N, C-alpha and C. Protein backbone atom coordinates (compact mmCIF):
# COMPACT_ATOMS: atom_id res chain seq x y z
N MET A 1 -105.69 -4.19 53.19
CA MET A 1 -104.61 -3.67 52.36
C MET A 1 -103.34 -4.48 52.69
N ALA A 2 -102.63 -4.90 51.64
CA ALA A 2 -101.43 -5.66 51.79
C ALA A 2 -100.26 -4.78 52.19
N LEU A 3 -99.21 -5.41 52.68
CA LEU A 3 -97.98 -4.70 53.06
C LEU A 3 -97.38 -4.02 51.86
N CYS A 4 -97.10 -2.74 51.96
CA CYS A 4 -96.50 -1.98 50.87
C CYS A 4 -95.02 -2.31 50.76
N GLY A 5 -94.45 -1.98 49.65
CA GLY A 5 -93.04 -2.29 49.44
C GLY A 5 -92.87 -3.69 48.91
N ASP A 6 -91.75 -3.91 48.29
CA ASP A 6 -91.55 -5.23 47.68
C ASP A 6 -90.33 -5.95 48.21
N ASP A 7 -89.72 -5.44 49.25
CA ASP A 7 -88.53 -6.10 49.81
C ASP A 7 -88.89 -6.85 51.09
N HIS A 8 -89.85 -7.74 50.95
CA HIS A 8 -90.30 -8.52 52.11
C HIS A 8 -89.21 -9.35 52.75
N PRO A 9 -88.27 -9.93 51.99
CA PRO A 9 -87.18 -10.69 52.67
C PRO A 9 -86.36 -9.82 53.62
N LYS A 10 -86.17 -8.54 53.24
CA LYS A 10 -85.41 -7.63 54.11
C LYS A 10 -86.20 -7.37 55.41
N VAL A 11 -87.50 -7.19 55.27
CA VAL A 11 -88.35 -6.97 56.44
C VAL A 11 -88.35 -8.21 57.32
N ILE A 12 -88.47 -9.36 56.73
CA ILE A 12 -88.42 -10.63 57.50
C ILE A 12 -87.13 -10.79 58.22
N ALA A 13 -86.00 -10.44 57.54
CA ALA A 13 -84.68 -10.51 58.20
C ALA A 13 -84.62 -9.66 59.43
N ARG A 14 -85.19 -8.41 59.32
CA ARG A 14 -85.23 -7.53 60.50
C ARG A 14 -86.04 -8.13 61.59
N ILE A 15 -87.18 -8.70 61.26
CA ILE A 15 -88.06 -9.32 62.29
C ILE A 15 -87.34 -10.48 62.93
N ASN A 16 -86.61 -11.26 62.14
CA ASN A 16 -85.85 -12.37 62.73
C ASN A 16 -84.81 -11.90 63.71
N ARG A 17 -84.13 -10.80 63.38
CA ARG A 17 -83.14 -10.25 64.32
C ARG A 17 -83.82 -9.79 65.61
N ILE A 18 -84.98 -9.14 65.46
CA ILE A 18 -85.73 -8.69 66.64
C ILE A 18 -86.16 -9.86 67.48
N GLU A 19 -86.64 -10.91 66.82
CA GLU A 19 -87.02 -12.12 67.55
C GLU A 19 -85.81 -12.68 68.33
N GLY A 20 -84.66 -12.67 67.73
CA GLY A 20 -83.46 -13.12 68.42
C GLY A 20 -83.13 -12.25 69.63
N GLN A 21 -83.32 -10.94 69.47
CA GLN A 21 -83.09 -10.02 70.60
C GLN A 21 -84.05 -10.33 71.76
N ILE A 22 -85.32 -10.60 71.41
CA ILE A 22 -86.31 -10.87 72.44
C ILE A 22 -86.01 -12.19 73.14
N LYS A 23 -85.62 -13.23 72.33
CA LYS A 23 -85.25 -14.49 72.95
C LYS A 23 -84.02 -14.32 73.87
N GLY A 24 -83.07 -13.49 73.42
CA GLY A 24 -81.91 -13.19 74.25
C GLY A 24 -82.31 -12.47 75.55
N LEU A 25 -83.25 -11.59 75.44
CA LEU A 25 -83.77 -10.88 76.63
C LEU A 25 -84.41 -11.86 77.62
N LYS A 26 -85.21 -12.76 77.08
CA LYS A 26 -85.86 -13.77 77.93
C LYS A 26 -84.80 -14.63 78.63
N LYS A 27 -83.77 -15.00 77.90
CA LYS A 27 -82.70 -15.82 78.50
C LYS A 27 -81.97 -15.04 79.59
N MET A 28 -81.72 -13.75 79.31
CA MET A 28 -81.03 -12.92 80.29
C MET A 28 -81.82 -12.86 81.61
N VAL A 29 -83.14 -12.69 81.48
CA VAL A 29 -83.97 -12.62 82.69
C VAL A 29 -83.99 -13.96 83.40
N SER A 30 -84.13 -15.06 82.64
CA SER A 30 -84.17 -16.37 83.31
C SER A 30 -82.82 -16.71 83.96
N GLU A 31 -81.71 -16.13 83.43
CA GLU A 31 -80.40 -16.35 84.04
C GLU A 31 -80.09 -15.31 85.14
N ASP A 32 -81.06 -14.46 85.43
CA ASP A 32 -80.91 -13.45 86.48
C ASP A 32 -79.71 -12.55 86.24
N ARG A 33 -79.61 -12.04 84.98
CA ARG A 33 -78.50 -11.19 84.62
C ARG A 33 -78.65 -9.82 85.24
N ASP A 34 -77.64 -9.02 85.17
CA ASP A 34 -77.56 -7.66 85.73
C ASP A 34 -78.67 -6.79 85.12
N CYS A 35 -79.32 -6.00 85.95
CA CYS A 35 -80.43 -5.12 85.52
C CYS A 35 -80.00 -4.20 84.34
N LEU A 36 -78.83 -3.63 84.45
CA LEU A 36 -78.39 -2.71 83.39
C LEU A 36 -78.21 -3.45 82.07
N GLN A 37 -77.70 -4.64 82.07
CA GLN A 37 -77.55 -5.41 80.84
C GLN A 37 -78.94 -5.70 80.26
N VAL A 38 -79.90 -6.08 81.10
CA VAL A 38 -81.25 -6.33 80.63
C VAL A 38 -81.88 -5.06 80.04
N LEU A 39 -81.70 -3.95 80.73
CA LEU A 39 -82.23 -2.69 80.21
C LEU A 39 -81.63 -2.27 78.91
N LYS A 40 -80.33 -2.53 78.72
CA LYS A 40 -79.66 -2.22 77.44
C LYS A 40 -80.26 -3.09 76.33
N GLN A 41 -80.52 -4.34 76.63
CA GLN A 41 -81.11 -5.24 75.63
C GLN A 41 -82.54 -4.79 75.30
N ILE A 42 -83.29 -4.33 76.27
CA ILE A 42 -84.64 -3.82 76.03
C ILE A 42 -84.58 -2.59 75.14
N ALA A 43 -83.61 -1.71 75.42
CA ALA A 43 -83.45 -0.48 74.60
C ALA A 43 -83.06 -0.86 73.17
N ALA A 44 -82.23 -1.84 73.00
CA ALA A 44 -81.80 -2.29 71.66
C ALA A 44 -83.00 -2.86 70.90
N ALA A 45 -83.79 -3.72 71.57
CA ALA A 45 -84.95 -4.32 70.91
C ALA A 45 -85.99 -3.24 70.58
N ASN A 46 -86.17 -2.31 71.49
CA ASN A 46 -87.11 -1.20 71.23
C ASN A 46 -86.67 -0.36 70.02
N GLY A 47 -85.38 -0.09 69.96
CA GLY A 47 -84.83 0.65 68.81
C GLY A 47 -85.01 -0.11 67.51
N ALA A 48 -84.82 -1.44 67.53
CA ALA A 48 -84.97 -2.24 66.35
C ALA A 48 -86.43 -2.26 65.89
N LEU A 49 -87.37 -2.32 66.83
CA LEU A 49 -88.79 -2.28 66.49
C LEU A 49 -89.16 -0.94 65.89
N ARG A 50 -88.67 0.14 66.48
CA ARG A 50 -88.97 1.46 65.96
C ARG A 50 -88.41 1.64 64.55
N SER A 51 -87.21 1.15 64.34
CA SER A 51 -86.60 1.21 63.03
C SER A 51 -87.40 0.42 62.00
N LEU A 52 -87.85 -0.75 62.35
CA LEU A 52 -88.67 -1.58 61.49
C LEU A 52 -89.96 -0.84 61.17
N GLY A 53 -90.55 -0.23 62.17
CA GLY A 53 -91.79 0.55 61.95
C GLY A 53 -91.56 1.69 61.01
N ALA A 54 -90.44 2.37 61.15
CA ALA A 54 -90.13 3.48 60.25
C ALA A 54 -89.96 3.03 58.83
N VAL A 55 -89.33 1.86 58.60
CA VAL A 55 -89.17 1.32 57.26
C VAL A 55 -90.53 1.03 56.64
N ILE A 56 -91.38 0.37 57.39
CA ILE A 56 -92.69 -0.03 56.88
C ILE A 56 -93.56 1.22 56.65
N LEU A 57 -93.50 2.20 57.58
CA LEU A 57 -94.25 3.45 57.40
C LEU A 57 -93.78 4.18 56.13
N GLU A 58 -92.48 4.22 55.90
CA GLU A 58 -91.95 4.88 54.71
C GLU A 58 -92.47 4.18 53.43
N ASP A 59 -92.43 2.86 53.43
CA ASP A 59 -92.95 2.12 52.28
C ASP A 59 -94.40 2.40 52.11
N HIS A 60 -95.16 2.49 53.16
CA HIS A 60 -96.61 2.77 53.10
C HIS A 60 -96.83 4.13 52.48
N LEU A 61 -96.08 5.11 52.93
CA LEU A 61 -96.24 6.47 52.43
C LEU A 61 -95.87 6.58 50.97
N LYS A 62 -94.78 5.99 50.59
CA LYS A 62 -94.31 6.03 49.23
C LYS A 62 -95.16 5.18 48.26
N GLY A 63 -95.76 4.12 48.80
CA GLY A 63 -96.50 3.23 47.97
C GLY A 63 -97.99 3.46 48.03
N CYS A 64 -98.57 2.89 49.07
CA CYS A 64 -100.04 2.87 49.22
C CYS A 64 -100.62 4.28 49.27
N VAL A 65 -100.07 5.13 50.12
CA VAL A 65 -100.66 6.47 50.32
C VAL A 65 -100.48 7.34 49.08
N ALA A 66 -99.26 7.30 48.54
CA ALA A 66 -99.00 8.12 47.33
C ALA A 66 -99.89 7.71 46.16
N THR A 67 -100.04 6.41 45.99
CA THR A 67 -100.91 5.90 44.90
C THR A 67 -102.35 6.32 45.09
N ALA A 68 -102.83 6.20 46.34
CA ALA A 68 -104.25 6.57 46.64
C ALA A 68 -104.47 8.08 46.46
N ILE A 69 -103.51 8.90 46.86
CA ILE A 69 -103.65 10.32 46.71
C ILE A 69 -103.65 10.73 45.23
N GLN A 70 -102.74 10.12 44.46
CA GLN A 70 -102.71 10.42 43.03
C GLN A 70 -104.00 10.02 42.33
N ALA A 71 -104.62 8.96 42.83
CA ALA A 71 -105.86 8.49 42.22
C ALA A 71 -107.08 9.18 42.89
N HIS A 72 -106.82 10.04 43.86
CA HIS A 72 -107.91 10.72 44.58
C HIS A 72 -108.87 9.76 45.22
N GLU A 73 -108.32 8.74 45.90
CA GLU A 73 -109.11 7.72 46.58
C GLU A 73 -108.92 7.84 48.07
N ASN A 74 -109.99 8.20 48.78
CA ASN A 74 -109.95 8.22 50.26
C ASN A 74 -108.81 9.01 50.84
N GLU A 75 -108.46 10.16 50.21
CA GLU A 75 -107.30 10.93 50.64
C GLU A 75 -107.39 11.33 52.11
N SER A 76 -108.48 11.92 52.51
CA SER A 76 -108.58 12.43 53.89
C SER A 76 -108.54 11.23 54.88
N GLU A 77 -109.15 10.15 54.54
CA GLU A 77 -109.10 8.97 55.41
C GLU A 77 -107.68 8.43 55.57
N LEU A 78 -106.96 8.37 54.46
CA LEU A 78 -105.58 7.91 54.51
C LEU A 78 -104.70 8.84 55.30
N ILE A 79 -104.86 10.11 55.13
CA ILE A 79 -104.06 11.07 55.88
C ILE A 79 -104.36 10.95 57.37
N ALA A 80 -105.62 10.78 57.71
CA ALA A 80 -106.00 10.60 59.12
C ALA A 80 -105.33 9.34 59.70
N GLN A 81 -105.29 8.24 58.90
CA GLN A 81 -104.69 7.03 59.36
C GLN A 81 -103.20 7.19 59.55
N VAL A 82 -102.53 7.94 58.65
CA VAL A 82 -101.09 8.15 58.78
C VAL A 82 -100.80 9.03 60.00
N VAL A 83 -101.61 10.04 60.22
CA VAL A 83 -101.41 10.89 61.40
C VAL A 83 -101.59 10.06 62.67
N ASP A 84 -102.60 9.21 62.70
CA ASP A 84 -102.85 8.35 63.86
C ASP A 84 -101.65 7.42 64.11
N ILE A 85 -101.18 6.76 63.09
CA ILE A 85 -100.05 5.83 63.30
C ILE A 85 -98.77 6.57 63.66
N PHE A 86 -98.59 7.75 63.07
CA PHE A 86 -97.43 8.57 63.41
C PHE A 86 -97.49 8.97 64.89
N ASN A 87 -98.66 9.33 65.38
CA ASN A 87 -98.80 9.67 66.78
C ASN A 87 -98.48 8.50 67.70
N LYS A 88 -98.82 7.31 67.30
CA LYS A 88 -98.53 6.13 68.07
C LYS A 88 -97.02 5.88 68.14
N PHE A 89 -96.33 6.13 67.03
CA PHE A 89 -94.88 5.95 66.98
C PHE A 89 -94.14 7.02 67.77
N SER A 90 -94.74 8.19 67.90
CA SER A 90 -94.01 9.29 68.56
C SER A 90 -94.18 9.28 70.09
N LYS A 91 -94.89 8.35 70.63
CA LYS A 91 -95.06 8.24 72.09
C LYS A 91 -93.88 7.56 72.70
């Protein structure tokens, strides 16, 4: 199944920002920066990843899942998949 939603450039831009945060984190560690600064950067990157996941999950629910439910295609399987991924995000 392809990525739902049609604003792929926006998703790519978010991923690029996250990539920059991770590279910055790597640089901070290699420069032996303060632990609290590194932890703040980790928290920021984690938040950005969670936010990206929420955007993609919302697109998936509004697009792929809604379409499949309206067409009565694999409804229970799709709901199980959404519950599973939601549980992974809530940990």
